[in-house]
Amino acid sequence: MNKKLKLFLIGIGLKATITLAFTMGGFASSNNIALSGLMESDIPLEASSLIPQECSYMQITNLVTKLDETAGAYLGTPGNDLIIGAPGNDMVMAGDGDDCIVTGGGADAVMGEGGDDVILAGEGINYIDGGDGIDTCYSGGDLSETIINCEQ
């Protein structure tokens, strides 16, 4: 069964309330479920539940995101941040700390800056600069991307 999961962040901080909306469809592409099959519910969720496996060892202290799906600028804190971008073109300046940065599709500009960061950039023509520290960078694999200061 295919599942599409869409997250809308309602709160910011170490604890957040998240509205989960998902639709379920069958294996064949011709099987569709009408919007009446859309389910929505609010559940409390720890920010640690949003941390991708690549960042599971990190001591995340802050969640940085936006309350809607529009692309834009994200500024990290001096602490260890989980920064979650939008599907569009994002600009992320992570700041100090060991940060986990996750962007969606689009042409993203990601600056890890200080700390040992993990950058997970989605598909699109991305500019990734790990900055100072020992940084691990993953990208969508577009050959036109610029990736610098990533040691792993």
N, C-alpha and C. Protein backbone atom coordinates (compact mmCIF):
# COMPACT_ATOMS: atom_id res chain seq x y z
N MET A 1 0.85 -1.17 0.00
CA MET A 1 0.00 0.00 0.00
C MET A 1 0.89 1.24 0.00
N ASN A 2 0.66 2.15 -0.92
CA ASN A 2 1.43 3.39 -0.98
C ASN A 2 0.88 4.36 0.04
N LYS A 3 1.77 5.05 0.71
CA LYS A 3 1.34 6.07 1.66
C LYS A 3 2.07 7.36 1.33
N LYS A 4 1.34 8.43 1.30
CA LYS A 4 1.95 9.75 1.17
C LYS A 4 1.72 10.45 2.48
N LEU A 5 2.78 10.92 3.10
CA LEU A 5 2.68 11.54 4.41
C LEU A 5 3.04 13.01 4.27
N LYS A 6 2.19 13.86 4.78
CA LYS A 6 2.41 15.29 4.70
C LYS A 6 2.39 15.84 6.11
N LEU A 7 3.42 16.58 6.50
CA LEU A 7 3.51 17.11 7.85
C LEU A 7 3.30 18.62 7.84
N PHE A 8 2.50 19.09 8.77
CA PHE A 8 2.32 20.52 8.99
C PHE A 8 2.70 20.79 10.43
N LEU A 9 3.76 21.54 10.66
CA LEU A 9 4.19 21.82 12.02
C LEU A 9 3.33 22.92 12.61
N ILE A 10 2.81 22.67 13.80
CA ILE A 10 1.95 23.62 14.49
C ILE A 10 2.73 24.35 15.57
N GLY A 11 3.66 23.70 16.21
CA GLY A 11 4.43 24.31 17.28
C GLY A 11 5.91 24.18 17.00
N ILE A 12 6.69 25.00 17.64
CA ILE A 12 8.13 24.95 17.47
C ILE A 12 8.75 24.81 18.85
N GLY A 13 9.81 24.04 18.95
CA GLY A 13 10.49 23.80 20.20
C GLY A 13 10.82 22.34 20.30
N LEU A 14 11.25 21.90 21.46
CA LEU A 14 11.58 20.49 21.60
C LEU A 14 10.34 19.62 21.56
N LYS A 15 9.20 20.20 21.87
CA LYS A 15 7.94 19.47 21.72
C LYS A 15 7.11 20.21 20.69
N ALA A 16 6.45 19.49 19.83
CA ALA A 16 5.64 20.11 18.80
C ALA A 16 4.36 19.32 18.63
N THR A 17 3.34 20.01 18.21
CA THR A 17 2.12 19.32 17.82
C THR A 17 2.13 19.25 16.32
N ILE A 18 1.85 18.11 15.78
CA ILE A 18 1.92 17.93 14.35
C ILE A 18 0.58 17.42 13.84
N THR A 19 0.15 17.99 12.75
CA THR A 19 -1.04 17.49 12.08
C THR A 19 -0.57 16.55 10.99
N LEU A 20 -1.00 15.30 11.07
CA LEU A 20 -0.63 14.32 10.06
C LEU A 20 -1.81 14.13 9.12
N ALA A 21 -1.55 14.27 7.85
CA ALA A 21 -2.58 14.01 6.86
C ALA A 21 -2.01 13.04 5.86
N PHE A 22 -2.71 11.97 5.60
CA PHE A 22 -2.20 11.04 4.61
C PHE A 22 -3.34 10.40 3.85
N THR A 23 -3.00 10.01 2.61
CA THR A 23 -3.95 9.27 1.80
C THR A 23 -3.35 7.93 1.49
N MET A 24 -4.19 6.96 1.30
CA MET A 24 -3.72 5.63 0.98
C MET A 24 -4.27 5.23 -0.37
N GLY A 25 -3.42 4.67 -1.20
CA GLY A 25 -3.85 4.16 -2.50
C GLY A 25 -3.32 2.77 -2.70
N GLY A 26 -3.85 2.07 -3.67
CA GLY A 26 -3.41 0.71 -3.94
C GLY A 26 -2.12 0.68 -4.73
N PHE A 27 -1.68 -0.52 -5.09
CA PHE A 27 -0.43 -0.67 -5.83
C PHE A 27 -0.55 -0.17 -7.26
N ALA A 28 -1.66 -0.41 -7.92
CA ALA A 28 -1.81 0.00 -9.31
C ALA A 28 -2.04 1.50 -9.38
N SER A 29 -1.43 2.14 -10.37
CA SER A 29 -1.55 3.59 -10.47
C SER A 29 -2.97 4.02 -10.81
N SER A 30 -3.78 3.09 -11.33
CA SER A 30 -5.15 3.47 -11.67
C SER A 30 -6.08 3.47 -10.46
N ASN A 31 -5.61 2.94 -9.34
CA ASN A 31 -6.43 2.94 -8.12
C ASN A 31 -6.25 4.26 -7.39
N ASN A 32 -7.29 4.99 -7.25
CA ASN A 32 -7.24 6.26 -6.53
C ASN A 32 -8.33 6.29 -5.48
N ILE A 33 -8.09 7.00 -4.42
CA ILE A 33 -9.10 7.18 -3.39
C ILE A 33 -9.47 8.65 -3.38
N ALA A 34 -10.75 8.91 -3.36
CA ALA A 34 -11.24 10.29 -3.37
C ALA A 34 -10.78 11.03 -2.12
N LEU A 35 -10.83 12.36 -2.17
CA LEU A 35 -10.42 13.16 -1.03
C LEU A 35 -11.21 12.83 0.22
N SER A 36 -12.37 12.22 0.07
CA SER A 36 -13.12 11.82 1.26
C SER A 36 -12.34 10.78 2.06
N GLY A 37 -11.32 10.16 1.44
CA GLY A 37 -10.48 9.20 2.15
C GLY A 37 -9.37 9.86 2.94
N LEU A 38 -9.31 11.18 2.91
CA LEU A 38 -8.28 11.92 3.64
C LEU A 38 -8.59 11.90 5.12
N MET A 39 -7.60 11.53 5.91
CA MET A 39 -7.76 11.52 7.37
C MET A 39 -6.84 12.57 7.96
N GLU A 40 -7.26 13.20 9.00
CA GLU A 40 -6.44 14.22 9.64
C GLU A 40 -6.61 14.11 11.14
N SER A 41 -5.49 14.21 11.85
CA SER A 41 -5.57 14.21 13.31
C SER A 41 -4.35 14.92 13.87
N ASP A 42 -4.52 15.51 15.03
CA ASP A 42 -3.43 16.17 15.74
C ASP A 42 -2.90 15.21 16.79
N ILE A 43 -1.57 15.07 16.82
CA ILE A 43 -0.96 14.23 17.84
C ILE A 43 0.25 14.95 18.41
N PRO A 44 0.52 14.83 19.70
CA PRO A 44 1.75 15.40 20.24
C PRO A 44 2.93 14.56 19.76
N LEU A 45 4.03 15.22 19.48
CA LEU A 45 5.18 14.52 18.94
C LEU A 45 6.45 15.20 19.43
N GLU A 46 7.39 14.43 19.89
CA GLU A 46 8.69 14.96 20.28
C GLU A 46 9.48 15.29 19.01
N ALA A 47 10.25 16.37 19.02
CA ALA A 47 11.07 16.73 17.87
C ALA A 47 12.03 15.60 17.52
N SER A 48 12.45 14.83 18.51
CA SER A 48 13.38 13.72 18.26
C SER A 48 12.77 12.68 17.32
N SER A 49 11.44 12.62 17.22
CA SER A 49 10.79 11.68 16.32
C SER A 49 10.98 12.07 14.85
N LEU A 50 11.36 13.31 14.59
CA LEU A 50 11.54 13.79 13.23
C LEU A 50 12.98 13.64 12.73
N ILE A 51 13.88 13.23 13.60
CA ILE A 51 15.30 13.16 13.25
C ILE A 51 15.53 11.98 12.30
N PRO A 52 16.12 12.23 11.11
CA PRO A 52 16.40 11.13 10.19
C PRO A 52 17.48 10.20 10.74
N GLN A 53 17.53 9.00 10.23
CA GLN A 53 18.48 8.00 10.70
C GLN A 53 19.92 8.49 10.60
N GLU A 54 20.24 9.25 9.56
CA GLU A 54 21.60 9.75 9.37
C GLU A 54 22.04 10.66 10.51
N CYS A 55 21.10 11.20 11.27
CA CYS A 55 21.39 12.13 12.36
C CYS A 55 21.04 11.54 13.72
N SER A 56 20.74 10.27 13.79
CA SER A 56 20.21 9.67 15.02
C SER A 56 21.17 9.74 16.21
N TYR A 57 22.45 9.85 15.95
CA TYR A 57 23.44 9.91 17.03
C TYR A 57 23.59 11.32 17.60
N MET A 58 23.02 12.32 16.96
CA MET A 58 23.23 13.72 17.35
C MET A 58 22.37 14.10 18.55
N GLN A 59 22.87 15.03 19.34
CA GLN A 59 22.14 15.57 20.49
C GLN A 59 21.41 16.84 20.05
N ILE A 60 20.26 16.68 19.41
CA ILE A 60 19.49 17.82 18.88
C ILE A 60 18.80 18.54 20.04
N THR A 61 18.94 19.87 20.06
CA THR A 61 18.32 20.66 21.12
C THR A 61 17.26 21.63 20.60
N ASN A 62 17.24 21.89 19.29
CA ASN A 62 16.30 22.86 18.73
C ASN A 62 15.70 22.35 17.42
N LEU A 63 14.44 22.69 17.19
CA LEU A 63 13.78 22.42 15.92
C LEU A 63 13.56 23.74 15.22
N VAL A 64 14.06 23.86 13.98
CA VAL A 64 13.92 25.08 13.19
C VAL A 64 13.16 24.72 11.92
N THR A 65 11.99 25.31 11.74
CA THR A 65 11.20 25.08 10.53
C THR A 65 10.25 26.24 10.36
N LYS A 66 9.38 26.14 9.36
CA LYS A 66 8.36 27.16 9.13
C LYS A 66 7.00 26.53 9.34
N LEU A 67 6.00 27.36 9.54
CA LEU A 67 4.66 26.86 9.81
C LEU A 67 3.85 26.60 8.54
N ASP A 68 4.45 26.81 7.37
CA ASP A 68 3.75 26.51 6.13
C ASP A 68 4.73 25.84 5.18
N GLU A 69 4.30 25.56 3.98
CA GLU A 69 5.13 24.82 3.04
C GLU A 69 5.90 25.72 2.09
N THR A 70 5.88 27.02 2.27
CA THR A 70 6.57 27.90 1.35
C THR A 70 8.06 27.84 1.59
N ALA A 71 8.80 28.00 0.52
CA ALA A 71 10.25 28.02 0.64
C ALA A 71 10.67 29.33 1.28
N GLY A 72 11.89 29.38 1.75
CA GLY A 72 12.36 30.61 2.35
C GLY A 72 13.68 30.43 3.04
N ALA A 73 13.99 31.36 3.93
CA ALA A 73 15.26 31.35 4.64
C ALA A 73 15.07 30.73 6.02
N TYR A 74 16.05 29.95 6.42
CA TYR A 74 16.04 29.30 7.72
C TYR A 74 17.35 29.65 8.41
N LEU A 75 17.28 30.18 9.61
CA LEU A 75 18.47 30.54 10.37
C LEU A 75 18.56 29.63 11.59
N GLY A 76 19.69 28.96 11.71
CA GLY A 76 19.90 28.09 12.86
C GLY A 76 20.26 28.88 14.10
N THR A 77 20.42 28.17 15.20
CA THR A 77 20.77 28.77 16.48
C THR A 77 22.21 28.37 16.82
N PRO A 78 22.76 28.90 17.91
CA PRO A 78 24.09 28.45 18.33
C PRO A 78 24.09 26.99 18.83
N GLY A 79 22.92 26.42 19.09
CA GLY A 79 22.82 25.04 19.58
C GLY A 79 22.80 24.02 18.45
N ASN A 80 22.49 22.79 18.81
CA ASN A 80 22.40 21.70 17.85
C ASN A 80 20.98 21.65 17.30
N ASP A 81 20.82 22.00 16.03
CA ASP A 81 19.50 22.18 15.44
C ASP A 81 19.12 21.03 14.50
N LEU A 82 17.83 20.76 14.45
CA LEU A 82 17.23 20.00 13.36
C LEU A 82 16.51 21.04 12.52
N ILE A 83 16.99 21.26 11.30
CA ILE A 83 16.42 22.27 10.42
C ILE A 83 15.71 21.54 9.29
N ILE A 84 14.41 21.77 9.16
CA ILE A 84 13.60 21.09 8.15
C ILE A 84 13.10 22.13 7.16
N GLY A 85 13.56 22.03 5.91
CA GLY A 85 13.16 22.97 4.87
C GLY A 85 11.86 22.57 4.21
N ALA A 86 11.47 23.36 3.22
CA ALA A 86 10.23 23.15 2.47
C ALA A 86 10.56 22.53 1.11
N PRO A 87 9.54 22.13 0.34
CA PRO A 87 9.80 21.52 -0.97
C PRO A 87 10.39 22.47 -2.00
N GLY A 88 10.27 23.77 -1.83
CA GLY A 88 10.76 24.73 -2.82
C GLY A 88 12.22 25.08 -2.62
N ASN A 89 12.62 26.24 -3.14
CA ASN A 89 14.00 26.73 -3.05
C ASN A 89 14.23 27.32 -1.67
N ASP A 90 15.09 26.68 -0.89
CA ASP A 90 15.38 27.12 0.47
C ASP A 90 16.78 27.69 0.58
N MET A 91 16.98 28.60 1.55
CA MET A 91 18.30 29.04 1.93
C MET A 91 18.44 28.75 3.42
N VAL A 92 19.45 27.97 3.77
CA VAL A 92 19.66 27.57 5.16
C VAL A 92 21.03 28.05 5.61
N MET A 93 21.07 28.77 6.71
CA MET A 93 22.32 29.16 7.36
C MET A 93 22.24 28.58 8.77
N ALA A 94 22.94 27.47 8.98
CA ALA A 94 22.75 26.66 10.18
C ALA A 94 23.36 27.27 11.44
N GLY A 95 24.37 28.08 11.32
CA GLY A 95 25.00 28.64 12.51
C GLY A 95 25.91 27.64 13.18
N ASP A 96 26.28 27.93 14.42
CA ASP A 96 27.15 27.03 15.17
C ASP A 96 26.37 25.82 15.66
N GLY A 97 27.07 24.88 16.21
CA GLY A 97 26.43 23.67 16.71
C GLY A 97 26.50 22.56 15.69
N ASP A 98 26.23 21.35 16.14
CA ASP A 98 26.20 20.18 15.28
C ASP A 98 24.76 20.03 14.79
N ASP A 99 24.53 20.39 13.54
CA ASP A 99 23.17 20.50 13.02
C ASP A 99 22.84 19.38 12.05
N CYS A 100 21.56 19.04 12.00
CA CYS A 100 21.01 18.12 11.01
C CYS A 100 20.09 18.95 10.13
N ILE A 101 20.43 19.06 8.85
CA ILE A 101 19.71 19.93 7.93
C ILE A 101 19.06 19.06 6.85
N VAL A 102 17.75 19.19 6.71
CA VAL A 102 17.00 18.41 5.73
C VAL A 102 16.24 19.38 4.83
N THR A 103 16.53 19.34 3.53
CA THR A 103 15.79 20.19 2.59
C THR A 103 15.00 19.31 1.64
N GLY A 104 13.96 19.86 1.05
CA GLY A 104 13.17 19.13 0.07
C GLY A 104 13.72 19.36 -1.33
N GLY A 105 12.86 19.21 -2.33
CA GLY A 105 13.27 19.48 -3.69
C GLY A 105 13.49 20.97 -3.89
N GLY A 106 13.93 21.34 -5.05
CA GLY A 106 14.19 22.74 -5.33
C GLY A 106 15.68 23.02 -5.35
N ALA A 107 16.02 24.21 -5.77
CA ALA A 107 17.42 24.64 -5.80
C ALA A 107 17.72 25.26 -4.44
N ASP A 108 18.34 24.49 -3.57
CA ASP A 108 18.59 24.93 -2.20
C ASP A 108 20.02 25.41 -2.02
N ALA A 109 20.20 26.42 -1.19
CA ALA A 109 21.52 26.88 -0.78
C ALA A 109 21.65 26.57 0.71
N VAL A 110 22.59 25.70 1.05
CA VAL A 110 22.73 25.24 2.43
C VAL A 110 24.14 25.56 2.91
N MET A 111 24.25 26.33 3.98
CA MET A 111 25.52 26.62 4.61
C MET A 111 25.51 26.03 6.01
N GLY A 112 26.34 25.01 6.22
CA GLY A 112 26.40 24.37 7.52
C GLY A 112 27.03 25.25 8.58
N GLU A 113 27.96 26.08 8.16
CA GLU A 113 28.70 26.98 9.04
C GLU A 113 29.45 26.19 10.11
N GLY A 114 29.45 26.60 11.38
CA GLY A 114 30.25 25.94 12.41
C GLY A 114 29.66 24.60 12.84
N GLY A 115 30.49 23.77 13.44
CA GLY A 115 30.03 22.48 13.97
C GLY A 115 30.16 21.35 12.97
N ASP A 116 29.91 20.15 13.45
CA ASP A 116 29.94 18.94 12.63
C ASP A 116 28.50 18.66 12.19
N ASP A 117 28.20 19.02 10.95
CA ASP A 117 26.82 18.98 10.46
C ASP A 117 26.57 17.78 9.57
N VAL A 118 25.30 17.38 9.50
CA VAL A 118 24.83 16.40 8.52
C VAL A 118 23.82 17.14 7.65
N ILE A 119 24.09 17.17 6.34
CA ILE A 119 23.24 17.88 5.40
C ILE A 119 22.61 16.87 4.46
N LEU A 120 21.28 16.86 4.43
CA LEU A 120 20.52 15.97 3.54
C LEU A 120 19.74 16.86 2.59
N ALA A 121 20.33 17.15 1.43
CA ALA A 121 19.69 18.03 0.46
C ALA A 121 18.89 17.20 -0.53
N GLY A 122 17.69 17.63 -0.84
CA GLY A 122 16.82 16.90 -1.76
C GLY A 122 17.23 17.10 -3.21
N GLU A 123 16.40 16.60 -4.11
CA GLU A 123 16.67 16.73 -5.53
C GLU A 123 16.57 18.18 -5.96
N GLY A 124 17.37 18.54 -6.94
CA GLY A 124 17.42 19.90 -7.44
C GLY A 124 18.87 20.32 -7.56
N ILE A 125 19.10 21.47 -8.14
CA ILE A 125 20.46 21.98 -8.28
C ILE A 125 20.79 22.73 -7.00
N ASN A 126 21.52 22.08 -6.12
CA ASN A 126 21.80 22.61 -4.79
C ASN A 126 23.21 23.18 -4.70
N TYR A 127 23.36 24.16 -3.82
CA TYR A 127 24.68 24.65 -3.41
C TYR A 127 24.82 24.25 -1.95
N ILE A 128 25.82 23.43 -1.65
CA ILE A 128 26.03 22.94 -0.29
C ILE A 128 27.44 23.30 0.15
N ASP A 129 27.53 24.02 1.26
CA ASP A 129 28.82 24.36 1.87
C ASP A 129 28.76 23.89 3.32
N GLY A 130 29.49 22.83 3.62
CA GLY A 130 29.47 22.29 4.98
C GLY A 130 30.03 23.25 6.01
N GLY A 131 30.94 24.13 5.60
CA GLY A 131 31.54 25.08 6.54
C GLY A 131 32.60 24.42 7.39
N ASP A 132 32.84 25.02 8.57
CA ASP A 132 33.85 24.49 9.49
C ASP A 132 33.36 23.18 10.11
N GLY A 133 34.29 22.41 10.60
CA GLY A 133 33.94 21.14 11.24
C GLY A 133 34.02 19.99 10.26
N ILE A 134 33.65 18.82 10.73
CA ILE A 134 33.64 17.62 9.90
C ILE A 134 32.19 17.37 9.51
N ASP A 135 31.88 17.64 8.25
CA ASP A 135 30.50 17.62 7.79
C ASP A 135 30.25 16.45 6.84
N THR A 136 29.06 15.87 6.95
CA THR A 136 28.63 14.78 6.07
C THR A 136 27.50 15.32 5.22
N CYS A 137 27.65 15.21 3.89
CA CYS A 137 26.67 15.80 2.98
C CYS A 137 26.10 14.76 2.03
N TYR A 138 24.78 14.78 1.92
CA TYR A 138 24.06 13.94 0.97
C TYR A 138 23.28 14.88 0.06
N SER A 139 23.17 14.51 -1.22
CA SER A 139 22.42 15.36 -2.13
C SER A 139 21.58 14.50 -3.06
N GLY A 140 20.76 15.18 -3.85
CA GLY A 140 19.91 14.49 -4.82
C GLY A 140 20.67 13.93 -6.00
N GLY A 141 21.94 14.26 -6.14
CA GLY A 141 22.77 13.68 -7.19
C GLY A 141 22.80 14.43 -8.50
N ASP A 142 22.25 15.64 -8.56
CA ASP A 142 22.30 16.41 -9.80
C ASP A 142 23.75 16.78 -10.10
N LEU A 143 24.19 16.55 -11.33
CA LEU A 143 25.59 16.80 -11.69
C LEU A 143 25.94 18.28 -11.68
N SER A 144 24.95 19.16 -11.68
CA SER A 144 25.21 20.60 -11.67
C SER A 144 25.35 21.17 -10.26
N GLU A 145 25.27 20.32 -9.25
CA GLU A 145 25.35 20.81 -7.87
C GLU A 145 26.77 21.26 -7.53
N THR A 146 26.85 22.16 -6.57
CA THR A 146 28.13 22.58 -6.00
C THR A 146 28.17 22.10 -4.57
N ILE A 147 29.17 21.29 -4.24
CA ILE A 147 29.32 20.76 -2.89
C ILE A 147 30.75 21.01 -2.45
N ILE A 148 30.91 21.81 -1.38
CA ILE A 148 32.25 22.12 -0.86
C ILE A 148 32.27 21.94 0.66
N ASN A 149 33.46 21.78 1.19
CA ASN A 149 33.69 21.65 2.63
C ASN A 149 32.88 20.53 3.27
N CYS A 150 32.72 19.45 2.55
CA CYS A 150 32.07 18.25 3.09
C CYS A 150 33.12 17.15 3.14
N GLU A 151 33.43 16.72 4.33
CA GLU A 151 34.50 15.75 4.48
C GLU A 151 34.02 14.32 4.24
N GLN A 152 32.75 14.10 4.33
CA GLN A 152 32.22 12.74 4.12
C GLN A 152 31.06 12.77 3.17
